[in-house]
Amino acid sequence: MLNIDCVTVGPFQVNSYLVTCTETMKGIYIDPGSDINEVLKIAEKKQISIEKIIGTHAHIDHAEGVYKVKKTINVPYWLHEKELKNLESMPEIANGYGLPIPEVPEVDNFLIPNQNIKVGNLDFKILLTDGHSPGNITLYTLDKQTNKNHAIVGDSLFAGSIGRTDLPGGNLPTLLESIRSRLFTLPPDTIIYPGHGPSTTIEIETNNNPFLN
């Protein structure tokens, strides 16, 4: 069975996710923000073994805590190859915002669209949902025990909104096409876990999102 803990951290209020297979208690840490302590405390309390860090993309709010997590628990970092430029630009971006300069982590493995990545007994399909950034990915799975669909979408789609496209590498037509062809084709009951703000569903966004209707 799938369990998802969401912890919202930092000045950008980014959603970091701890995704766990409750049968094996193996997990992944998605998008470590500036404060990693709460997620690591949840993992310790629940005795979750974090096996991977996964970046939906590498804008600073979604990646500034990666180096600290790797240093603390020594697990590999997975990212789409097209996000390397965003990752390497974090110190410059942080300086521009007047934020502490984060260390740039090493990427251990690349996320390849249409392949699967395992979390214990769970399989997540990797979908490229670009447009907000060149390598923004979505992790999608069907929890066979509960028959519920789940998608962790980064900053591609939000409740009632979409990702901004005015940052380097952003492209509005690409983003709209990604959402329509790769997210809106998922089952309507799919729960959407965005990089910021509350969860939603494909059905709600298909029917009501003003940027797509």
C-alpha atoms as a PDB file:
ATOM      1  CA  MET A   1       0.000   0.000   0.000  1.00  0.00           C
ATOM      2  CA  LEU A   2       1.127   3.543  -0.775  1.00  0.00           C
ATOM      3  CA  ASN A   3       1.500   6.257   1.849  1.00  0.00           C
ATOM      4  CA  ILE A   4       2.435   9.872   1.057  1.00  0.00           C
ATOM      5  CA  ASP A   5       3.537  12.372   3.685  1.00  0.00           C
ATOM      6  CA  CYS A   6       3.660  15.991   2.494  1.00  0.00           C
ATOM      7  CA  VAL A   7       5.834  18.536   4.298  1.00  0.00           C
ATOM      8  CA  THR A   8       5.740  22.164   3.133  1.00  0.00           C
ATOM      9  CA  VAL A   9       9.014  24.000   3.725  1.00  0.00           C
ATOM     10  CA  GLY A  10      11.026  27.136   3.081  1.00  0.00           C
ATOM     11  CA  PRO A  11      10.352  30.634   1.781  1.00  0.00           C
ATOM     12  CA  PHE A  12       8.932  29.207  -1.466  1.00  0.00           C
ATOM     13  CA  GLN A  13       6.520  26.918   0.448  1.00  0.00           C
ATOM     14  CA  VAL A  14       7.538  23.911  -1.606  1.00  0.00           C
ATOM     15  CA  ASN A  15       5.876  20.542  -1.020  1.00  0.00           C
ATOM     16  CA  SER A  16       8.430  17.867  -0.163  1.00  0.00           C
ATOM     17  CA  TYR A  17       7.042  14.333  -0.260  1.00  0.00           C
ATOM     18  CA  LEU A  18       8.000  11.157   1.572  1.00  0.00           C
ATOM     19  CA  VAL A  19       6.502   8.305  -0.447  1.00  0.00           C
ATOM     20  CA  THR A  20       6.423   4.912   1.243  1.00  0.00           C
ATOM     21  CA  CYS A  21       5.539   1.325   0.381  1.00  0.00           C
ATOM     22  CA  THR A  22       3.893   0.258   3.646  1.00  0.00           C
ATOM     23  CA  GLU A  23       4.507  -3.450   2.964  1.00  0.00           C
ATOM     24  CA  THR A  24       8.285  -3.041   2.864  1.00  0.00           C
ATOM     25  CA  MET A  25       8.635   0.358   4.643  1.00  0.00           C
ATOM     26  CA  LYS A  26      10.936   1.492   1.854  1.00  0.00           C
ATOM     27  CA  GLY A  27      10.550   5.061   0.667  1.00  0.00           C
ATOM     28  CA  ILE A  28      11.691   7.882  -1.584  1.00  0.00           C
ATOM     29  CA  TYR A  29      12.217  11.530  -0.676  1.00  0.00           C
ATOM     30  CA  ILE A  30      10.870  13.784  -3.427  1.00  0.00           C
ATOM     31  CA  ASP A  31      12.047  17.395  -3.855  1.00  0.00           C
ATOM     32  CA  PRO A  32      14.007  18.165  -0.673  1.00  0.00           C
ATOM     33  CA  GLY A  33      13.520  21.850   0.076  1.00  0.00           C
ATOM     34  CA  SER A  34      15.485  24.113   2.366  1.00  0.00           C
ATOM     35  CA  ASP A  35      14.448  22.277   5.561  1.00  0.00           C
ATOM     36  CA  ILE A  36      15.004  18.521   5.501  1.00  0.00           C
ATOM     37  CA  ASN A  37      14.669  17.801   9.221  1.00  0.00           C
ATOM     38  CA  GLU A  38      10.924  17.187   9.409  1.00  0.00           C
ATOM     39  CA  VAL A  39      10.909  14.628   6.611  1.00  0.00           C
ATOM     40  CA  LEU A  40      13.871  12.796   8.114  1.00  0.00           C
ATOM     41  CA  LYS A  41      12.136  12.828  11.517  1.00  0.00           C
ATOM     42  CA  ILE A  42       9.003  11.277   9.965  1.00  0.00           C
ATOM     43  CA  ALA A  43      11.141   8.580   8.347  1.00  0.00           C
ATOM     44  CA  GLU A  44      12.883   7.840  11.638  1.00  0.00           C
ATOM     45  CA  LYS A  45       9.638   7.771  13.645  1.00  0.00           C
ATOM     46  CA  LYS A  46       7.879   5.469  11.167  1.00  0.00           C
ATOM     47  CA  GLN A  47      11.037   3.396  10.555  1.00  0.00           C
ATOM     48  CA  ILE A  48      11.000   4.151   6.841  1.00  0.00           C
ATOM     49  CA  SER A  49      14.149   3.299   4.922  1.00  0.00           C
ATOM     50  CA  ILE A  50      14.672   6.088   2.367  1.00  0.00           C
ATOM     51  CA  GLU A  51      16.311   4.501  -0.682  1.00  0.00           C
ATOM     52  CA  LYS A  52      16.304   7.350  -3.212  1.00  0.00           C
ATOM     53  CA  ILE A  53      15.971  11.093  -3.601  1.00  0.00           C
ATOM     54  CA  ILE A  54      13.955  12.050  -6.676  1.00  0.00           C
ATOM     55  CA  GLY A  55      13.724  15.516  -8.155  1.00  0.00           C
ATOM     56  CA  THR A  56      10.627  16.340 -10.154  1.00  0.00           C
ATOM     57  CA  HIS A  57      12.851  19.148 -11.492  1.00  0.00           C
ATOM     58  CA  ALA A  58      15.796  21.199 -10.217  1.00  0.00           C
ATOM     59  CA  HIS A  59      14.609  24.726  -9.571  1.00  0.00           C
ATOM     60  CA  ILE A  60      16.200  25.887  -6.329  1.00  0.00           C
ATOM     61  CA  ASP A  61      13.095  25.426  -4.164  1.00  0.00           C
ATOM     62  CA  HIS A  62      12.874  21.771  -5.187  1.00  0.00           C
ATOM     63  CA  ALA A  63      16.568  20.910  -4.942  1.00  0.00           C
ATOM     64  CA  GLU A  64      18.303  23.111  -2.378  1.00  0.00           C
ATOM     65  CA  GLY A  65      18.115  20.404   0.305  1.00  0.00           C
ATOM     66  CA  VAL A  66      19.376  17.517  -1.831  1.00  0.00           C
ATOM     67  CA  TYR A  67      23.059  17.862  -0.904  1.00  0.00           C
ATOM     68  CA  LYS A  68      22.182  17.880   2.814  1.00  0.00           C
ATOM     69  CA  VAL A  69      20.013  14.757   2.481  1.00  0.00           C
ATOM     70  CA  LYS A  70      22.737  12.910   0.571  1.00  0.00           C
ATOM     71  CA  LYS A  71      25.306  13.890   3.170  1.00  0.00           C
ATOM     72  CA  THR A  72      23.022  12.800   6.027  1.00  0.00           C
ATOM     73  CA  ILE A  73      21.709   9.433   4.790  1.00  0.00           C
ATOM     74  CA  ASN A  74      23.906   8.650   1.751  1.00  0.00           C
ATOM     75  CA  VAL A  75      21.282   7.757  -0.853  1.00  0.00           C
ATOM     76  CA  PRO A  76      21.351   8.360  -4.650  1.00  0.00           C
ATOM     77  CA  TYR A  77      19.754  11.357  -6.343  1.00  0.00           C
ATOM     78  CA  TRP A  78      17.677  10.802  -9.486  1.00  0.00           C
ATOM     79  CA  LEU A  79      16.855  13.630 -11.905  1.00  0.00           C
ATOM     80  CA  HIS A  80      15.988  14.148 -15.571  1.00  0.00           C
ATOM     81  CA  GLU A  81      19.107  14.922 -17.586  1.00  0.00           C
ATOM     82  CA  LYS A  82      17.603  18.151 -18.966  1.00  0.00           C
ATOM     83  CA  GLU A  83      17.525  19.583 -15.423  1.00  0.00           C
ATOM     84  CA  LEU A  84      21.300  19.677 -14.976  1.00  0.00           C
ATOM     85  CA  LYS A  85      21.510  23.327 -16.034  1.00  0.00           C
ATOM     86  CA  ASN A  86      18.897  24.320 -13.444  1.00  0.00           C
ATOM     87  CA  LEU A  87      20.733  22.315 -10.786  1.00  0.00           C
ATOM     88  CA  GLU A  88      24.091  23.898 -11.534  1.00  0.00           C
ATOM     89  CA  SER A  89      22.597  27.404 -11.488  1.00  0.00           C
ATOM     90  CA  MET A  90      21.309  27.104  -7.896  1.00  0.00           C
ATOM     91  CA  PRO A  91      24.127  29.143  -6.279  1.00  0.00           C
ATOM     92  CA  GLU A  92      23.592  32.004  -8.729  1.00  0.00           C
ATOM     93  CA  ILE A  93      19.820  31.919  -8.212  1.00  0.00           C
ATOM     94  CA  ALA A  94      20.204  31.810  -4.417  1.00  0.00           C
ATOM     95  CA  ASN A  95      22.533  34.785  -4.522  1.00  0.00           C
ATOM     96  CA  GLY A  96      19.984  36.720  -6.567  1.00  0.00           C
ATOM     97  CA  TYR A  97      17.285  36.035  -3.970  1.00  0.00           C
ATOM     98  CA  GLY A  98      19.611  36.779  -1.049  1.00  0.00           C
ATOM     99  CA  LEU A  99      19.288  33.205   0.195  1.00  0.00           C
ATOM    100  CA  PRO A 100      21.964  30.934   1.680  1.00  0.00           C
ATOM    101  CA  ILE A 101      24.068  29.412  -1.117  1.00  0.00           C
ATOM    102  CA  PRO A 102      23.292  25.675  -1.420  1.00  0.00           C
ATOM    103  CA  GLU A 103      25.835  23.051  -2.364  1.00  0.00           C
ATOM    104  CA  VAL A 104      25.202  21.544  -5.804  1.00  0.00           C
ATOM    105  CA  PRO A 105      24.696  17.788  -5.390  1.00  0.00           C
ATOM    106  CA  GLU A 106      25.934  15.109  -7.714  1.00  0.00           C
ATOM    107  CA  VAL A 107      23.271  13.344  -9.796  1.00  0.00           C
ATOM    108  CA  ASP A 108      23.641   9.586  -9.501  1.00  0.00           C
ATOM    109  CA  ASN A 109      20.998   8.384 -11.962  1.00  0.00           C
ATOM    110  CA  PHE A 110      18.849   9.923 -14.678  1.00  0.00           C
ATOM    111  CA  LEU A 111      15.067   9.625 -14.814  1.00  0.00           C
ATOM    112  CA  ILE A 112      14.023   8.362 -18.241  1.00  0.00           C
ATOM    113  CA  PRO A 113      10.445   9.040 -19.397  1.00  0.00           C
ATOM    114  CA  ASN A 114       8.196   6.023 -19.962  1.00  0.00           C
ATOM    115  CA  GLN A 115      10.388   3.825 -17.793  1.00  0.00           C
ATOM    116  CA  ASN A 116       9.398   2.688 -14.294  1.00  0.00           C
ATOM    117  CA  ILE A 117      11.064   3.260 -10.942  1.00  0.00           C
ATOM    118  CA  LYS A 118      10.393   1.042  -7.926  1.00  0.00           C
ATOM    119  CA  VAL A 119       9.624   1.980  -4.339  1.00  0.00           C
ATOM    120  CA  GLY A 120       9.482  -1.296  -2.429  1.00  0.00           C
ATOM    121  CA  ASN A 121       6.626  -3.208  -4.095  1.00  0.00           C
ATOM    122  CA  LEU A 122       5.284  -0.117  -5.866  1.00  0.00           C
ATOM    123  CA  ASP A 123       6.028   0.794  -9.482  1.00  0.00           C
ATOM    124  CA  PHE A 124       5.934   4.407 -10.603  1.00  0.00           C
ATOM    125  CA  LYS A 125       5.848   5.312 -14.271  1.00  0.00           C
ATOM    126  CA  ILE A 126       8.010   8.297 -15.194  1.00  0.00           C
ATOM    127  CA  LEU A 127       6.177  10.822 -17.383  1.00  0.00           C
ATOM    128  CA  LEU A 128       7.804  13.867 -18.953  1.00  0.00           C
ATOM    129  CA  THR A 129       5.579  16.831 -18.109  1.00  0.00           C
ATOM    130  CA  ASP A 130       7.813  19.598 -19.407  1.00  0.00           C
ATOM    131  CA  GLY A 131       6.997  23.229 -20.116  1.00  0.00           C
ATOM    132  CA  HIS A 132       7.522  24.667 -16.642  1.00  0.00           C
ATOM    133  CA  SER A 133      11.084  23.413 -16.936  1.00  0.00           C
ATOM    134  CA  PRO A 134      12.720  21.202 -19.566  1.00  0.00           C
ATOM    135  CA  GLY A 135      12.892  18.050 -17.466  1.00  0.00           C
ATOM    136  CA  ASN A 136       9.934  18.326 -15.096  1.00  0.00           C
ATOM    137  CA  ILE A 137       8.717  14.776 -14.546  1.00  0.00           C
ATOM    138  CA  THR A 138       5.626  13.200 -13.038  1.00  0.00           C
ATOM    139  CA  LEU A 139       5.615   9.944 -11.076  1.00  0.00           C
ATOM    140  CA  TYR A 140       2.376   8.019 -11.621  1.00  0.00           C
ATOM    141  CA  THR A 141       1.190   4.809  -9.992  1.00  0.00           C
ATOM    142  CA  LEU A 142      -1.923   2.747  -9.315  1.00  0.00           C
ATOM    143  CA  ASP A 143      -2.014   1.477  -5.738  1.00  0.00           C
ATOM    144  CA  LYS A 144      -3.430  -1.988  -6.373  1.00  0.00           C
ATOM    145  CA  GLN A 145      -4.410  -2.500  -2.733  1.00  0.00           C
ATOM    146  CA  THR A 146      -6.659   0.553  -2.614  1.00  0.00           C
ATOM    147  CA  ASN A 147      -7.306   0.843  -6.385  1.00  0.00           C
ATOM    148  CA  LYS A 148      -6.406   4.540  -6.176  1.00  0.00           C
ATOM    149  CA  ASN A 149      -4.320   6.407  -8.746  1.00  0.00           C
ATOM    150  CA  HIS A 150      -1.633   8.864  -7.668  1.00  0.00           C
ATOM    151  CA  ALA A 151       0.536  11.351  -9.585  1.00  0.00           C
ATOM    152  CA  ILE A 152       3.308  13.522  -8.145  1.00  0.00           C
ATOM    153  CA  VAL A 153       3.587  16.244 -10.764  1.00  0.00           C
ATOM    154  CA  GLY A 154       6.186  18.814  -9.681  1.00  0.00           C
ATOM    155  CA  ASP A 155       5.285  22.281 -10.920  1.00  0.00           C
ATOM    156  CA  SER A 156       3.402  21.280 -14.068  1.00  0.00           C
ATOM    157  CA  LEU A 157      -0.142  21.397 -12.676  1.00  0.00           C
ATOM    158  CA  PHE A 158      -1.652  22.966  -9.544  1.00  0.00           C
ATOM    159  CA  ALA A 159      -5.123  23.133  -8.033  1.00  0.00           C
ATOM    160  CA  GLY A 160      -6.784  25.700 -10.283  1.00  0.00           C
ATOM    161  CA  SER A 161      -3.549  26.760 -11.937  1.00  0.00           C
ATOM    162  CA  ILE A 162      -0.470  25.661 -13.896  1.00  0.00           C
ATOM    163  CA  GLY A 163       3.276  26.111 -13.548  1.00  0.00           C
ATOM    164  CA  ARG A 164       4.816  29.437 -14.506  1.00  0.00           C
ATOM    165  CA  THR A 165       6.636  29.497 -17.825  1.00  0.00           C
ATOM    166  CA  ASP A 166       8.595  32.748 -17.554  1.00  0.00           C
ATOM    167  CA  LEU A 167      11.668  31.081 -16.029  1.00  0.00           C
ATOM    168  CA  PRO A 168      14.614  29.896 -18.199  1.00  0.00           C
ATOM    169  CA  GLY A 169      13.555  26.845 -20.195  1.00  0.00           C
ATOM    170  CA  GLY A 170       9.838  27.494 -19.684  1.00  0.00           C
ATOM    171  CA  ASN A 171       7.425  27.265 -22.600  1.00  0.00           C
ATOM    172  CA  LEU A 172       3.660  27.741 -22.297  1.00  0.00           C
ATOM    173  CA  PRO A 173       2.515  25.768 -25.390  1.00  0.00           C
ATOM    174  CA  THR A 174       4.766  22.874 -24.307  1.00  0.00           C
ATOM    175  CA  LEU A 175       3.329  22.926 -20.788  1.00  0.00           C
ATOM    176  CA  LEU A 176      -0.279  22.959 -21.975  1.00  0.00           C
ATOM    177  CA  GLU A 177       0.422  20.076 -24.354  1.00  0.00           C
ATOM    178  CA  SER A 178       2.160  18.102 -21.590  1.00  0.00           C
ATOM    179  CA  ILE A 179      -0.792  18.517 -19.261  1.00  0.00           C
ATOM    180  CA  ARG A 180      -3.388  17.643 -21.887  1.00  0.00           C
ATOM    181  CA  SER A 181      -1.552  14.665 -23.403  1.00  0.00           C
ATOM    182  CA  ARG A 182       0.148  13.132 -20.359  1.00  0.00           C
ATOM    183  CA  LEU A 183      -1.842  14.185 -17.295  1.00  0.00           C
ATOM    184  CA  PHE A 184      -5.399  14.653 -18.526  1.00  0.00           C
ATOM    185  CA  THR A 185      -5.212  11.182 -20.110  1.00  0.00           C
ATOM    186  CA  LEU A 186      -4.721   9.606 -16.664  1.00  0.00           C
ATOM    187  CA  PRO A 187      -7.793   8.162 -14.896  1.00  0.00           C
ATOM    188  CA  PRO A 188     -10.126  10.972 -13.722  1.00  0.00           C
ATOM    189  CA  ASP A 189      -9.860   9.917 -10.075  1.00  0.00           C
ATOM    190  CA  THR A 190      -6.058  10.288 -10.074  1.00  0.00           C
ATOM    191  CA  ILE A 191      -4.939  12.310  -7.061  1.00  0.00           C
ATOM    192  CA  ILE A 192      -2.531  15.079  -8.058  1.00  0.00           C
ATOM    193  CA  TYR A 193       0.271  16.013  -5.652  1.00  0.00           C
ATOM    194  CA  PRO A 194       1.738  19.331  -6.855  1.00  0.00           C
ATOM    195  CA  GLY A 195       4.966  21.079  -5.958  1.00  0.00           C
ATOM    196  CA  HIS A 196       3.048  23.873  -4.216  1.00  0.00           C
ATOM    197  CA  GLY A 197      -0.417  24.139  -2.706  1.00  0.00           C
ATOM    198  CA  PRO A 198      -3.107  21.537  -2.012  1.00  0.00           C
ATOM    199  CA  SER A 199      -3.746  18.238  -3.743  1.00  0.00           C
ATOM    200  CA  THR A 200      -6.416  17.965  -6.420  1.00  0.00           C
ATOM    201  CA  THR A 201      -7.635  15.410  -8.966  1.00  0.00           C
ATOM    202  CA  ILE A 202      -7.469  15.037 -12.713  1.00  0.00           C
ATOM    203  CA  GLU A 203     -11.260  15.229 -12.913  1.00  0.00           C
ATOM    204  CA  ILE A 204     -11.405  18.515 -10.998  1.00  0.00           C
ATOM    205  CA  GLU A 205      -8.682  20.126 -13.100  1.00  0.00           C
ATOM    206  CA  THR A 206     -10.042  18.809 -16.397  1.00  0.00           C
ATOM    207  CA  ASN A 207     -13.433  20.342 -15.634  1.00  0.00           C
ATOM    208  CA  ASN A 208     -12.461  23.521 -13.815  1.00  0.00           C
ATOM    209  CA  ASN A 209      -8.871  24.637 -14.395  1.00  0.00           C
ATOM    210  CA  PRO A 210      -9.191  28.071 -16.059  1.00  0.00           C
ATOM    211  CA  PHE A 211      -5.850  27.756 -17.864  1.00  0.00           C
ATOM    212  CA  LEU A 212      -6.996  24.620 -19.679  1.00  0.00           C
ATOM    213  CA  ASN A 213     -10.639  25.389 -20.411  1.00  0.00           C
END
